[in-house]
Protein backbone atom coordinates (compact mmCIF):
# COMPACT_ATOMS: atom_id res chain seq x y z
CA MET A 1 -23.80 -7.38 29.29
CA PHE A 2 -25.96 -9.91 27.48
CA ALA A 3 -28.02 -9.16 24.40
CA THR A 4 -31.27 -10.54 23.04
CA VAL A 5 -31.18 -11.35 19.34
CA ALA A 6 -34.33 -11.50 17.21
CA THR A 7 -34.39 -13.36 13.89
CA ILE A 8 -37.28 -14.27 11.60
CA GLN A 9 -38.67 -17.81 11.50
CA PRO A 10 -39.74 -19.42 8.19
CA ASP A 11 -43.40 -18.66 9.06
CA GLY A 12 -42.56 -14.97 9.71
CA SER A 13 -42.76 -15.15 13.48
CA PRO A 14 -39.91 -13.85 15.65
CA GLN A 15 -37.31 -16.11 17.25
CA LEU A 16 -35.40 -14.71 20.25
CA SER A 17 -32.23 -15.86 21.93
CA VAL A 18 -29.97 -14.44 24.62
CA THR A 19 -26.35 -14.23 23.54
CA TRP A 20 -22.90 -12.83 24.19
CA LEU A 21 -21.71 -10.04 21.93
CA MET A 22 -18.90 -7.62 21.23
CA ARG A 23 -18.33 -4.57 19.04
CA ASP A 24 -16.05 -4.33 16.05
CA GLY A 25 -16.16 -0.69 15.01
CA ASP A 26 -19.81 0.06 14.24
CA ASP A 27 -20.66 -3.64 13.81
CA LEU A 28 -21.70 -6.15 16.44
CA LEU A 29 -20.27 -9.69 16.54
CA ILE A 30 -22.21 -12.71 17.78
CA SER A 31 -21.20 -16.37 17.81
CA THR A 32 -23.38 -19.36 17.03
CA THR A 33 -22.96 -22.80 15.48
CA GLU A 34 -24.03 -24.22 12.14
CA GLY A 35 -27.46 -25.79 12.27
CA ARG A 36 -28.89 -23.74 15.12
CA ARG A 37 -32.21 -22.01 14.52
CA LYS A 38 -30.63 -18.54 14.69
CA GLU A 39 -28.07 -19.48 12.02
CA GLN A 40 -30.70 -21.09 9.77
CA ASN A 41 -32.99 -18.08 10.07
CA LEU A 42 -30.20 -15.62 9.22
CA ARG A 43 -29.03 -17.60 6.18
CA ARG A 44 -32.59 -17.48 4.86
CA ASP A 45 -33.32 -13.86 5.87
CA PRO A 46 -30.41 -11.70 7.13
CA ARG A 47 -32.59 -9.15 8.93
CA ILE A 48 -31.77 -9.05 12.64
CA THR A 49 -32.50 -6.97 15.73
CA VAL A 50 -30.23 -6.91 18.77
CA MET A 51 -31.53 -5.55 22.08
CA ILE A 52 -28.95 -4.56 24.68
CA ASN A 53 -30.38 -3.99 28.14
CA PRO A 54 -28.09 -3.58 31.18
CA PRO A 55 -29.27 -5.68 34.15
CA ASP A 56 -28.64 -2.82 36.58
CA ALA A 57 -30.67 -0.31 34.52
CA PRO A 58 -33.82 -2.09 33.29
CA TYR A 59 -35.30 0.98 31.58
CA THR A 60 -32.14 1.71 29.62
CA TYR A 61 -31.69 -0.06 26.30
CA ALA A 62 -30.29 0.09 22.81
CA GLU A 63 -32.04 -1.60 19.92
CA VAL A 64 -29.86 -2.24 16.88
CA ARG A 65 -31.70 -3.13 13.67
CA GLY A 66 -29.68 -4.30 10.73
CA THR A 67 -28.49 -7.12 8.54
CA ALA A 68 -26.23 -10.04 9.32
CA GLU A 69 -23.34 -11.52 7.39
CA LEU A 70 -22.31 -15.04 8.37
CA THR A 71 -18.91 -16.66 8.03
CA THR A 72 -17.08 -19.56 9.63
CA GLU A 73 -13.76 -17.73 9.30
CA GLY A 74 -12.59 -16.75 12.80
CA GLY A 75 -15.48 -18.60 14.44
CA GLN A 76 -13.45 -20.47 17.04
CA GLU A 77 -11.41 -17.38 17.87
CA LEU A 78 -14.56 -15.31 18.40
CA ILE A 79 -16.22 -17.79 20.77
CA ASN A 80 -13.02 -17.96 22.82
CA GLU A 81 -12.76 -14.17 22.96
CA LEU A 82 -16.41 -13.86 23.99
CA SER A 83 -16.05 -16.61 26.58
CA ARG A 84 -13.02 -14.90 28.12
CA LYS A 85 -14.95 -11.60 28.20
CA TYR A 86 -18.03 -13.10 29.87
CA THR A 87 -16.56 -15.93 31.99
CA GLY A 88 -12.82 -15.31 32.21
CA LYS A 89 -12.16 -18.73 30.61
CA ASP A 90 -11.64 -20.18 27.15
CA TYR A 91 -14.89 -21.63 25.81
CA ARG A 92 -13.76 -25.24 26.14
CA ASP A 93 -12.93 -24.64 29.83
CA PHE A 94 -16.25 -22.83 30.43
CA ASN A 95 -18.30 -25.42 28.54
CA PRO A 96 -16.47 -28.77 28.53
CA ALA A 97 -19.56 -30.43 27.02
CA SER A 98 -19.24 -28.31 23.87
CA VAL A 99 -19.15 -30.41 20.74
CA ASP A 100 -15.66 -30.44 19.23
CA ASP A 101 -16.91 -30.87 15.68
CA ALA A 102 -19.58 -28.12 15.81
CA THR A 103 -18.57 -25.45 13.30
CA ARG A 104 -18.63 -22.01 14.87
CA VAL A 105 -20.19 -19.16 12.90
CA VAL A 106 -19.42 -15.45 13.23
CA VAL A 107 -22.53 -13.29 12.84
CA ARG A 108 -21.53 -9.73 11.88
CA VAL A 109 -24.41 -7.32 12.40
CA SER A 110 -24.22 -4.13 10.34
CA PRO A 111 -26.54 -1.55 11.90
CA ARG A 112 -29.17 0.10 9.73
CA LYS A 113 -30.93 1.89 12.62
CA VAL A 114 -30.19 2.31 16.32
CA VAL A 115 -32.82 3.46 18.80
CA GLY A 116 -32.86 3.48 22.56
CA SER A 117 -33.53 5.09 25.86
CA ILE A 118 -31.10 6.29 28.49
C-alpha cells in the first residue's frame, strides 16, 4: 500500500509526494535521496504527516502526524527492501535509470498522533 507524505515548504505551504513505506515498531520508514524537495523540507522542519489509504477501501485511512529523523546509514538497504516489497525486485533492477551516486536517505517517522477511519 502506498502512502502520501506531507512536508512543509519554505513558504509554509504543504508539499505532497506518494511513496513506499514500511513499519519498524511504532515508527514508519520512508526512503528518499539527498537533494529532493522532501529531504530538504524535512532537514529544515522535521514535522511530517503520512496518510495511508488502501486502494480497495477509499474511505479507510490512517493519518500519522509526527517528526522525522534523517540518516544516510542503511539508506541503500532500505530502498532495496522497499523495492522488493512493492515490486519483487531489487531497486536497481526495478529502476535501472536510478543514479548510482545518489545518496539514499532513511526517513524515520516517529508518530506523535495517529487518527483515522475504518
